Protein backbone atom coordinates (compact mmCIF):
# COMPACT_ATOMS: atom_id res chain seq x y z
CA MET A 1 36.05 23.39 53.70
CA ALA A 2 33.73 26.56 54.28
CA VAL A 3 34.86 30.18 54.69
CA LEU A 4 33.65 32.00 57.94
CA VAL A 5 33.39 35.52 57.09
CA LEU A 6 33.08 38.05 60.06
CA GLY A 7 31.06 41.37 59.97
CA ASP A 8 34.45 43.42 59.41
CA GLN A 9 35.65 41.16 56.42
CA LEU A 10 33.18 41.99 53.67
CA HIS A 11 35.35 42.29 50.62
CA PRO A 12 34.49 39.98 47.74
CA GLU A 13 38.23 39.99 46.38
CA TYR A 14 40.56 39.54 49.36
CA GLY A 15 40.99 36.68 51.53
CA PRO A 16 39.63 33.03 51.32
CA ALA A 17 36.09 34.25 50.57
CA ALA A 18 37.26 35.44 47.11
CA ASP A 19 37.11 32.01 45.73
CA ALA A 20 35.00 30.10 48.22
CA ASP A 21 32.28 27.67 47.07
CA ARG A 22 30.61 28.05 50.46
CA VAL A 23 30.49 30.75 53.13
CA VAL A 24 29.42 31.01 56.79
CA MET A 25 28.24 34.10 58.38
CA VAL A 26 26.74 34.88 61.91
CA GLU A 27 24.68 37.63 62.83
CA ALA A 28 24.77 37.67 66.65
CA THR A 29 22.66 40.42 68.27
CA ALA A 30 24.55 40.00 71.56
CA PHE A 31 27.24 42.24 69.76
CA ALA A 32 24.68 45.02 69.78
CA ARG A 33 24.02 44.75 73.35
CA ARG A 34 27.43 44.53 74.58
CA ARG A 35 27.79 48.38 74.89
CA ALA A 36 25.83 51.44 73.77
CA TYR A 37 26.60 51.43 70.17
CA HIS A 38 25.31 54.22 68.00
CA PRO A 39 22.39 53.19 65.94
CA HIS A 40 24.29 54.16 62.85
CA LYS A 41 27.01 51.72 63.58
CA LEU A 42 24.56 48.91 64.19
CA THR A 43 22.73 49.67 60.94
CA LEU A 44 26.13 49.84 59.13
CA VAL A 45 27.52 46.58 60.26
CA PHE A 46 24.38 44.46 60.07
CA ALA A 47 23.06 45.83 56.86
CA ALA A 48 26.52 45.66 55.30
CA MET A 49 26.62 41.97 56.27
CA ARG A 50 23.25 41.23 54.80
CA GLN A 51 24.13 43.00 51.64
CA PHE A 52 27.37 41.11 51.49
CA ARG A 53 25.34 37.79 52.06
CA ASP A 54 22.93 38.75 49.09
CA ARG A 55 25.83 39.84 46.73
CA LEU A 56 27.56 36.25 47.36
CA ARG A 57 24.28 34.46 46.66
CA GLU A 58 23.73 36.35 43.43
CA SER A 59 27.11 35.45 42.28
CA GLY A 60 26.64 31.79 42.89
CA THR A 61 28.22 31.34 46.19
CA ALA A 62 26.42 29.28 48.79
CA VAL A 63 25.94 31.18 52.17
CA ASP A 64 24.90 29.68 55.34
CA TYR A 65 23.63 32.80 57.22
CA TYR A 66 22.71 32.41 61.00
CA GLU A 67 21.01 34.89 62.94
CA GLY A 68 21.07 34.20 66.85
CA GLU A 69 21.62 35.86 70.06
CA THR A 70 25.37 34.81 70.31
CA PHE A 71 28.06 33.38 68.01
CA ALA A 72 27.54 30.11 70.05
CA ASP A 73 23.91 30.03 68.84
CA GLY A 74 25.01 30.35 65.27
CA PHE A 75 27.57 27.67 65.43
CA ASP A 76 25.23 25.43 67.22
CA ALA A 77 22.90 25.64 64.16
CA HIS A 78 25.78 25.30 61.79
CA PHE A 79 27.40 22.17 63.16
CA GLU A 80 23.89 20.40 63.56
CA THR A 81 23.73 20.78 59.87
CA TYR A 82 27.35 20.23 59.06
CA PRO A 83 28.97 18.09 61.75
CA GLY A 84 32.54 18.26 62.03
CA ASP A 85 32.86 20.99 59.45
CA ASP A 86 36.23 22.63 58.58
CA LEU A 87 36.19 26.28 58.60
CA VAL A 88 38.72 28.95 57.59
CA VAL A 89 38.73 32.50 58.68
CA MET A 90 40.83 35.74 58.27
CA GLU A 91 42.39 36.69 61.55
CA SER A 92 40.42 39.39 63.40
CA PRO A 93 42.58 42.31 64.43
CA SER A 94 40.54 42.81 67.79
CA TYR A 95 42.26 40.99 70.78
CA GLY A 96 41.32 37.47 71.64
CA THR A 97 38.55 37.23 68.90
CA SER A 98 40.04 34.61 66.76
CA ASP A 99 41.02 32.51 69.90
CA ARG A 100 37.24 32.56 71.23
CA LEU A 101 36.03 31.66 67.68
CA SER A 102 38.48 28.78 67.50
CA SER A 103 37.41 27.51 70.85
CA LEU A 104 33.65 27.82 70.12
CA VAL A 105 34.30 25.68 66.90
CA LYS A 106 36.51 23.20 68.58
CA GLN A 107 33.95 22.60 71.38
CA ARG A 108 31.31 21.73 68.56
CA GLY A 109 33.46 19.30 66.90
CA GLY A 110 34.80 21.25 64.08
CA THR A 111 38.07 22.85 63.20
CA LEU A 112 38.95 26.58 62.43
CA GLU A 113 42.06 27.52 60.34
CA VAL A 114 43.04 31.11 61.10
CA VAL A 115 44.91 32.84 58.15
CA GLU A 116 46.41 36.36 57.59
CA ASN A 117 43.88 39.14 57.31
CA GLY A 118 44.07 40.34 53.82
CA LEU A 119 42.37 43.58 54.39
CA PHE A 120 45.59 45.21 55.82
CA LEU A 121 48.65 46.35 53.84
CA SER A 122 51.29 45.05 56.36
CA THR A 123 52.02 41.71 57.79
CA ARG A 124 53.15 40.73 61.27
CA GLU A 125 56.45 39.76 59.63
CA GLN A 126 57.00 43.20 58.25
CA TRP A 127 56.13 44.81 61.60
CA ASP A 128 58.60 42.36 63.31
CA ALA A 129 61.38 43.26 61.10
CA TYR A 130 60.81 47.11 61.68
CA ALA A 131 59.67 47.34 65.18
CA GLY A 132 62.37 46.68 67.61
CA ASP A 133 61.48 47.52 71.23
CA PRO A 134 59.04 50.27 72.28
CA PRO A 135 58.40 53.08 72.14
CA TYR A 136 57.58 52.60 68.62
CA ARG A 137 58.03 55.41 66.09
CA HIS A 138 55.10 56.01 63.55
CA GLU A 139 57.29 58.10 61.01
CA ASN A 140 59.95 55.22 60.76
CA PHE A 141 57.20 52.69 60.12
CA TYR A 142 55.49 54.87 57.57
CA ARG A 143 58.68 55.42 55.56
CA MET A 144 59.14 51.65 55.84
CA MET A 145 55.73 50.96 54.25
CA ARG A 146 56.18 53.66 51.54
CA ARG A 147 59.33 51.72 50.52
CA GLU A 148 57.64 48.39 50.77
CA THR A 149 54.62 49.16 48.67
CA GLY A 150 56.12 51.77 46.35
CA TYR A 151 53.28 54.29 46.94
CA LEU A 152 54.46 57.75 46.17
CA MET A 153 58.00 56.60 45.51
CA ALA A 154 60.10 57.19 42.59
CA ASP A 155 63.63 55.30 42.31
CA GLY A 156 63.78 54.66 45.92
CA ASP A 157 63.01 58.18 47.09
CA PRO A 158 59.82 59.77 48.01
CA VAL A 159 57.99 61.59 45.30
CA GLY A 160 58.48 65.33 45.75
CA GLY A 161 61.58 64.92 47.80
CA GLU A 162 59.84 64.81 51.13
CA TRP A 163 58.31 62.13 53.25
CA ASN A 164 55.53 64.24 54.65
CA TYR A 165 54.01 67.71 54.19
CA ASP A 166 52.45 68.29 57.67
CA ASP A 167 53.44 72.06 57.48
CA GLU A 168 51.32 72.60 54.53
CA ASN A 169 48.46 70.74 55.97
CA GLN A 170 47.57 73.05 58.98
CA GLN A 171 45.91 75.89 57.33
CA PHE A 172 42.41 77.46 58.20
CA PRO A 173 40.10 78.36 55.42
CA GLY A 174 39.06 81.95 54.72
CA GLU A 175 35.64 83.45 55.51
CA GLY A 176 32.76 82.03 53.25
CA TYR A 177 34.72 78.93 52.58
CA GLU A 178 32.59 76.16 51.21
CA THR A 179 33.01 72.48 50.63
CA PRO A 180 31.17 70.11 48.36
CA ASP A 181 28.26 68.12 50.06
CA PRO A 182 29.31 64.44 50.89
CA PRO A 183 27.29 61.82 49.23
CA ARG A 184 24.14 60.47 51.08
CA TYR A 185 22.85 56.92 50.51
CA GLU A 186 19.24 56.23 50.61
CA MET A 187 18.34 53.03 52.43
CA ASP A 188 16.98 50.16 50.31
CA GLU A 189 14.58 47.60 51.91
CA THR A 190 17.47 45.46 53.54
CA THR A 191 19.17 48.42 55.07
CA ARG A 192 15.91 49.95 56.41
CA GLU A 193 14.73 46.61 58.02
CA VAL A 194 18.07 46.75 60.08
CA TRP A 195 17.92 50.35 60.78
CA GLU A 196 14.48 49.95 62.14
CA TRP A 197 15.62 47.17 64.44
CA ALA A 198 18.77 49.12 65.52
CA THR A 199 16.64 52.18 66.52
CA GLU A 200 14.32 50.01 68.60
CA LEU A 201 16.82 47.91 70.08
CA ASP A 202 16.00 47.03 73.91
CA GLY A 203 19.25 46.66 75.55
CA SER A 204 22.34 48.88 75.09
CA TYR A 205 20.56 52.21 75.31
CA ASP A 206 18.36 51.37 78.21
CA THR A 207 20.74 52.75 80.74
CA ASP A 208 21.53 56.26 82.28
CA PRO A 209 23.86 57.15 81.04
CA PRO A 210 23.70 56.97 78.01
CA GLY A 211 20.12 56.96 78.03
CA PRO A 212 17.68 55.95 75.24
CA GLU A 213 18.03 59.38 73.57
CA TRP A 214 21.88 59.68 73.53
CA ALA A 215 22.08 59.15 69.73
CA ASP A 216 20.05 60.32 66.92
CA PRO A 217 18.78 57.37 64.74
CA GLU A 218 18.39 59.44 61.59
CA PRO A 219 19.10 60.44 59.03
CA PHE A 220 21.18 57.22 58.26
CA PHE A 221 23.31 57.76 55.14
CA TRP A 222 26.46 55.74 55.25
CA PRO A 223 27.24 53.27 52.44
CA THR A 224 26.41 49.78 53.11
CA THR A 225 27.13 48.12 49.93
CA ARG A 226 30.35 47.83 47.97
CA GLU A 227 28.68 49.75 45.04
CA GLN A 228 27.84 52.55 47.43
CA ALA A 229 31.42 52.58 48.99
CA LEU A 230 33.13 52.72 45.57
CA ASP A 231 30.87 55.68 44.67
CA ALA A 232 31.88 57.25 47.93
CA LEU A 233 35.44 56.84 47.09
CA ASP A 234 34.99 58.40 43.55
CA SER A 235 33.20 61.21 45.17
CA PHE A 236 36.10 62.10 47.43
CA VAL A 237 38.69 61.73 44.74
CA ASP A 238 36.84 63.89 42.07
CA GLU A 239 35.30 66.53 44.48
CA ARG A 240 37.32 66.81 47.76
CA LEU A 241 40.79 65.47 47.48
CA ALA A 242 42.36 68.60 46.07
CA GLU A 243 41.59 70.63 49.26
CA PHE A 244 41.75 67.70 51.62
CA GLY A 245 45.39 68.33 52.63
CA PRO A 246 45.52 72.04 53.54
CA TYR A 247 42.34 72.22 55.76
CA GLN A 248 42.54 68.53 57.10
CA ASP A 249 42.96 69.84 60.58
CA ALA A 250 40.46 72.56 60.47
CA MET A 251 37.22 72.63 62.45
CA LEU A 252 34.24 74.59 61.47
CA ASP A 253 30.74 74.57 63.38
CA ASP A 254 28.81 74.72 59.98
CA ASP A 255 30.70 72.23 58.02
CA TRP A 256 31.07 68.94 59.51
CA SER A 257 32.76 67.06 56.75
CA LEU A 258 34.95 69.60 55.20
CA ASN A 259 37.05 67.56 52.60
CA HIS A 260 37.33 64.54 54.47
CA ALA A 261 36.97 61.21 52.82
CA LEU A 262 34.39 59.81 55.20
CA LEU A 263 35.37 56.36 54.05
CA SER A 264 36.73 54.87 57.54
CA GLY A 265 33.50 53.14 58.27
CA ALA A 266 33.27 51.33 54.90
CA ILE A 267 37.07 50.49 55.17
CA ASN A 268 36.71 49.05 58.63
CA VAL A 269 33.92 46.62 57.62
CA GLY A 270 35.77 45.65 54.63
CA LEU A 271 33.70 47.07 51.80
CA LEU A 272 36.81 48.84 50.60
CA HIS A 273 40.61 47.66 50.80
CA PRO A 274 42.94 50.34 51.92
CA GLY A 275 45.18 49.65 49.01
CA GLU A 276 42.65 50.09 46.29
CA VAL A 277 41.57 53.43 48.17
CA ILE A 278 45.17 54.73 48.12
CA GLU A 279 45.78 53.66 44.52
CA ALA A 280 42.36 55.39 43.54
CA VAL A 281 43.63 58.67 45.41
CA ILE A 282 46.97 58.46 43.62
CA GLU A 283 45.58 57.73 40.31
CA GLY A 284 42.95 60.46 40.67
CA ALA A 285 45.70 62.96 41.53
CA ARG A 286 47.61 62.14 38.30
CA GLU A 287 44.30 63.25 36.40
CA GLN A 288 43.82 66.38 38.40
CA PRO A 289 46.33 68.86 37.99
CA ASP A 290 44.90 70.95 41.13
CA ALA A 291 45.39 68.09 43.46
CA PRO A 292 48.53 68.92 45.27
CA LEU A 293 51.09 66.39 46.65
CA ASN A 294 50.49 67.40 50.10
CA SER A 295 46.72 66.17 49.94
CA VAL A 296 47.67 62.93 48.50
CA GLU A 297 50.58 62.34 50.71
CA GLY A 298 48.68 63.43 53.75
CA PHE A 299 45.70 61.09 52.94
CA THR A 300 48.04 58.09 52.22
CA ARG A 301 49.79 58.63 55.58
CA GLN A 302 46.55 58.14 57.44
CA LEU A 303 45.95 54.71 55.82
CA LEU A 304 49.38 53.54 54.77
CA GLY A 305 51.05 54.80 58.08
CA TRP A 306 48.64 55.48 60.97
CA ARG A 307 46.08 52.92 60.37
CA GLU A 308 48.55 50.14 59.96
CA PHE A 309 50.64 51.36 62.83
CA MET A 310 47.49 51.45 65.20
CA ARG A 311 46.75 47.89 64.30
CA HIS A 312 50.25 46.55 65.20
CA THR A 313 50.79 48.82 68.29
CA TYR A 314 47.35 47.53 69.65
CA ARG A 315 48.58 43.91 69.09
CA GLU A 316 51.73 44.66 70.83
CA GLY A 317 50.32 46.50 73.85
CA MET A 318 47.35 44.32 74.53
CA PRO A 319 45.96 43.19 76.86
CA GLU A 320 47.51 45.70 79.14
CA LEU A 321 46.91 48.64 76.82
CA ALA A 322 43.10 48.34 77.29
CA SER A 323 43.44 49.30 81.09
CA ALA A 324 46.60 51.47 80.82
CA ASN A 325 46.66 54.58 82.98
CA GLN A 326 50.15 55.80 83.66
CA LEU A 327 48.76 59.31 84.66
CA ASP A 328 46.45 57.60 87.25
CA ALA A 329 43.55 59.65 85.90
CA THR A 330 40.25 58.71 87.83
CA GLU A 331 37.61 61.12 86.92
CA ASP A 332 34.50 60.05 85.34
CA LEU A 333 33.60 60.99 82.13
CA PRO A 334 31.59 64.32 82.17
CA ALA A 335 27.71 64.02 81.11
CA ALA A 336 28.30 66.63 78.54
CA PHE A 337 30.00 63.88 76.42
CA TRP A 338 26.57 61.97 76.43
CA THR A 339 24.25 65.16 76.15
CA GLY A 340 26.12 67.68 74.32
CA GLU A 341 24.77 70.33 76.93
CA THR A 342 27.59 72.52 77.67
CA ASP A 343 28.39 76.20 77.04
CA MET A 344 31.97 75.17 75.53
CA ARG A 345 30.99 75.65 72.06
CA CYS A 346 33.59 73.32 70.74
CA LEU A 347 32.76 70.49 72.91
CA SER A 348 28.97 70.95 72.41
CA ASP A 349 29.33 70.98 68.64
CA VAL A 350 31.66 67.99 68.25
CA VAL A 351 29.47 65.99 70.70
CA ASP A 352 26.27 66.99 68.81
CA GLY A 353 27.96 65.72 65.63
CA VAL A 354 28.81 62.49 66.96
CA ARG A 355 25.28 62.06 68.42
CA GLU A 356 23.73 62.84 65.04
CA ARG A 357 26.16 61.14 62.64
CA GLY A 358 28.46 58.69 64.70
CA TYR A 359 31.31 60.76 63.19
CA SER A 360 33.77 63.60 63.74
CA HIS A 361 37.07 64.04 61.92
CA HIS A 362 40.42 63.05 63.56
CA ILE A 363 41.35 66.62 64.89
CA GLU A 364 37.95 66.88 66.58
CA ARG A 365 38.72 63.49 68.11
CA LEU A 366 42.10 64.17 69.31
CA MET A 367 42.17 68.01 70.21
CA ILE A 368 38.60 68.40 71.41
CA LEU A 369 37.31 65.23 72.76
CA SER A 370 40.40 63.37 73.88
CA ASN A 371 42.21 66.73 74.86
CA PHE A 372 39.32 67.71 77.22
CA ALA A 373 39.31 64.34 78.72
CA LEU A 374 43.07 64.19 79.19
CA VAL A 375 43.35 67.48 80.91
CA TYR A 376 39.99 67.03 83.02
CA GLY A 377 41.63 63.72 84.35
CA VAL A 378 39.15 61.11 82.86
CA GLU A 379 39.98 57.39 83.27
CA PRO A 380 41.18 56.33 79.86
CA ALA A 381 39.04 53.14 79.73
CA GLN A 382 35.87 55.25 80.26
CA LEU A 383 36.93 57.43 77.34
CA ASN A 384 37.63 54.53 75.17
CA GLU A 385 34.13 53.02 75.91
CA TRP A 386 32.57 56.39 74.86
CA PHE A 387 34.37 56.31 71.50
CA HIS A 388 33.45 52.79 71.09
CA ALA A 389 29.77 53.68 71.72
CA GLY A 390 29.87 56.87 69.62
CA TYR A 391 31.59 56.18 66.18
CA VAL A 392 30.56 54.31 63.23
CA ASP A 393 34.11 53.35 62.35
CA ALA A 394 34.87 52.42 65.96
CA TYR A 395 36.63 48.94 66.54
CA HIS A 396 38.55 47.95 69.71
CA TRP A 397 41.74 47.67 67.79
CA VAL A 398 41.31 51.20 66.35
CA THR A 399 40.00 53.21 69.44
CA THR A 400 42.13 51.58 72.06
CA PRO A 401 45.55 52.85 70.76
CA ASN A 402 44.14 56.14 69.46
CA VAL A 403 42.28 56.86 72.64
CA VAL A 404 44.12 55.19 75.65
CA GLU A 405 47.64 55.73 74.24
CA MET A 406 47.46 58.74 71.91
CA GLY A 407 44.54 60.68 73.44
CA SER A 408 45.29 59.81 77.14
CA PHE A 409 48.93 58.89 77.26
CA GLY A 410 47.95 55.76 79.03
CA GLN A 411 51.04 53.40 78.37
CA GLY A 412 53.93 55.08 76.43
CA ILE A 413 54.14 52.23 73.89
CA PHE A 414 54.52 54.92 71.12
CA ALA A 415 53.32 58.30 72.44
CA THR A 416 56.23 60.20 73.87
CA LYS A 417 54.26 62.98 75.37
CA PRO A 418 50.66 63.76 76.32
CA TYR A 419 48.63 65.59 73.46
CA ALA A 420 47.46 68.39 76.01
CA SER A 421 46.60 71.75 74.64
CA SER A 422 45.14 74.97 75.99
CA ALA A 423 42.31 76.99 74.10
CA ASN A 424 45.12 78.36 71.81
CA TYR A 425 45.01 75.57 69.42
CA VAL A 426 41.19 75.52 69.38
CA ASN A 427 41.27 79.19 68.46
CA LYS A 428 43.78 78.72 65.87
CA MET A 429 42.24 76.00 64.15
CA SER A 430 38.52 76.49 64.39
CA ASP A 431 35.76 79.22 64.42
CA TYR A 432 34.38 77.99 67.93
CA CYS A 433 36.07 80.45 70.27
CA GLY A 434 34.77 83.90 68.56
CA ASP A 435 31.00 83.20 69.72
CA CYS A 436 31.82 80.99 72.85
CA ASP A 437 30.47 82.13 76.37
CA TYR A 438 33.95 81.17 77.67
CA TYR A 439 36.88 83.59 77.01
CA HIS A 440 39.80 81.55 75.27
CA THR A 441 42.28 84.40 76.57
CA LYS A 442 41.41 83.69 80.09
CA THR A 443 42.80 80.93 82.50
CA THR A 444 41.31 81.91 85.91
CA GLY A 445 38.26 83.64 87.25
CA ASP A 446 34.51 83.74 85.90
CA GLY A 447 34.32 82.90 82.17
CA ALA A 448 37.91 81.51 81.93
CA CYS A 449 37.81 78.80 79.29
CA PRO A 450 37.98 75.37 80.89
CA PHE A 451 40.63 74.27 78.29
CA ASN A 452 43.05 76.92 79.73
CA THR A 453 42.34 76.17 83.34
CA LEU A 454 42.62 72.38 82.95
CA TYR A 455 45.69 72.53 80.77
CA TRP A 456 47.64 74.33 83.22
CA GLU A 457 46.21 72.38 86.26
CA PHE A 458 47.02 69.21 84.23
CA LEU A 459 50.70 70.39 83.98
CA ASP A 460 50.65 71.16 87.73
CA ARG A 461 49.08 67.81 88.75
CA ASN A 462 51.43 65.72 86.71
CA GLU A 463 54.76 67.72 87.22
CA ASP A 464 56.41 64.95 88.92
CA ARG A 465 55.52 62.59 86.07
CA LEU A 466 56.01 64.79 83.32
CA GLY A 467 58.43 67.45 84.41
CA ASP A 468 61.56 65.63 83.06
CA ASN A 469 60.03 64.78 79.82
CA HIS A 470 62.44 66.20 77.19
CA ARG A 471 59.64 67.20 74.83
CA MET A 472 57.78 69.24 77.48
CA GLY A 473 60.61 71.30 78.71
CA LEU A 474 59.42 74.57 77.26
CA VAL A 475 55.79 74.21 78.64
CA TYR A 476 57.17 73.26 82.05
CA SER A 477 59.42 76.43 81.92
CA HIS A 478 56.19 78.45 81.38
CA LEU A 479 54.64 76.77 84.25
CA ASP A 480 57.64 77.64 86.41
CA ASN A 481 57.03 81.20 85.73
CA LYS A 482 53.74 81.19 87.51
CA ASP A 483 53.99 81.98 91.11
CA ASP A 484 52.16 80.16 93.84
CA GLU A 485 49.18 82.62 94.01
CA GLU A 486 48.63 81.96 90.33
CA ARG A 487 48.80 78.36 90.74
CA ALA A 488 46.29 78.34 93.51
CA ALA A 489 44.00 80.29 91.23
CA ILE A 490 44.39 77.73 88.73
CA ARG A 491 43.73 74.84 90.97
CA GLU A 492 40.61 76.83 92.56
CA ARG A 493 39.24 77.42 89.07
CA ALA A 494 39.95 73.87 87.97
CA SER A 495 37.88 72.62 90.99
CA GLU A 496 34.92 74.84 90.02
CA VAL A 497 35.01 73.60 86.36
CA ARG A 498 34.81 69.97 87.70
CA SER A 499 31.97 70.97 89.95
CA MET A 500 30.30 72.57 86.88
CA ALA A 501 30.67 69.51 84.90
CA GLU A 502 29.24 67.20 87.55
CA SER A 503 26.35 69.35 87.96
CA MET A 504 25.86 69.50 84.28
CA GLU A 505 26.27 73.36 84.33
CA LEU A 506 29.68 73.47 82.35
C-alpha cells in the first residue's frame, strides 16, 4: 500500500507517511489556475511539495511524483505504472476533496483509504461530544481542548487561574516602539524554479480584476522546508513571544509583522504541527522570565482554540456556509481591494501589505478588510474569494468560516452578532487615522470617514434583522437617538461613498 500525500500534509512525522515505504504525490497545475492565487502562495505550496519529496527520497523513501495539469492526469500516470494500486491518504479538511479523490482513484481501478488527519489537535469524536446544536461557542470548545490536551493546565485548573487574558492583549504600543525583524529565507534552486513559474503563470492573473499586476511576486521569503519552518518557530519564541500578547491587536503602518509568529502558512501546508508549535511556545516561556502568561495563552488560544474551531464549524456548515448570506448583502467588492488605491489610509496600507506579502495579521483581516466589506454590503462569497486569492495561508476550510461567518455574519452557525465597527476602533488600535485624508470623528459631509458613515448606514439598513439582537441593544439605542434628518444625511453620504468606490475615487 502506498501513501498519497497532499500538498497541505507535508509533515514527516504525522500520518501514514511517517513510516511509508512508498509515497505518491501529484502536482496539479490546475490548482494554480482555479483562482487568482498570490504568487507567494503558489510558490509556498509547490516548492514545499518538491522540498518534501526530496527530503523523503534522501531518507530512503520511494516517491512517485507526478506533474500534470490535473489530479486525474497524475492518477492516469500512476495507475498505468501500478494497476489496481491501493492508496491511503489523510482526510482533507476542505469540503468534498476526499470524496473527489476517492472517485478518481476508483475510476482507475484502485482503492483509496481515507484516515484521520493527524495534523490537527482534535478529532471529529471530540467535537461531536462537545458541540451540541448550533450556534457553537468557541470559548466552551477552547476550554474543552485545554482539558483534553493538558496545555496550560495544572491539577485540572487553568494555569494562572484564568482561561483567557484578552483584557491584557488589547494594548497599543507607545511612540518609537520597535520589533525585531522577522526571518526571511533565501530561495534555493528548487524554490526559485517554482517562483519563476508562479510569477509567469498564464491563467489566473490574466483577468481584470485582478489583472496581471495585482500582487507583487517579490521578494518571496516564506519558509518552504521543514528546517526553515523550525527556524521560524525558534525565532518567534526567542525574539517576539514575550510581547506578542499585549500588542497582538495593534496595527502600525510601518511595522507589518509586529510580534506575530508568521507561522500560519507553514502550519497550513503541514511543515509544522500545531502541537509542536504550542509545546515550543510553552517550553520557551518557561525559559523566559519576561514572557508573560497572557502572551502564551493568547497564542495557544489561536491554535488550540480558534484554528481547531474553524475546522469543525466549516465541516458542520458546509456546503451551505460557502454561499451563506443572511444579511442579503449584494454589493460587488470595491476595486480598492485589488489596487490598494484609496485615500483611506488603513485600507490602502493593509491591501498593499497583502499585495506585497500575501499576509496581514488577524485584526487587519477582521477589523479593516472584513469590517469594511461588511458595512459596505459586499456579498460574502466575493470577499471570501478575495481572501482565498490574497493570502499565503488561505484554504477554503480556513477562509470560509472566518470570512463568511465571522467577518460577514453570513450564517449564524457560531457568530452571534456582526463584527461591525466605526472608525473608533481603528483609531484606538492603529496609527492610521492621524494622517488620513478622512476625519475619523466625522460621520456625514465632506471628508467623513467611510467607516463611520457605512457603520451607521449598516445598522439603519439592517434594523429589521438586527434590532432585536440582544448583543446589539446598546448600539441600536444610539441609532434610535438619531433623528430622521441625521439618518437621511447618513444614507446620502453612504451613497456618495459607494459611488466614489465604484469610480475608484474612494
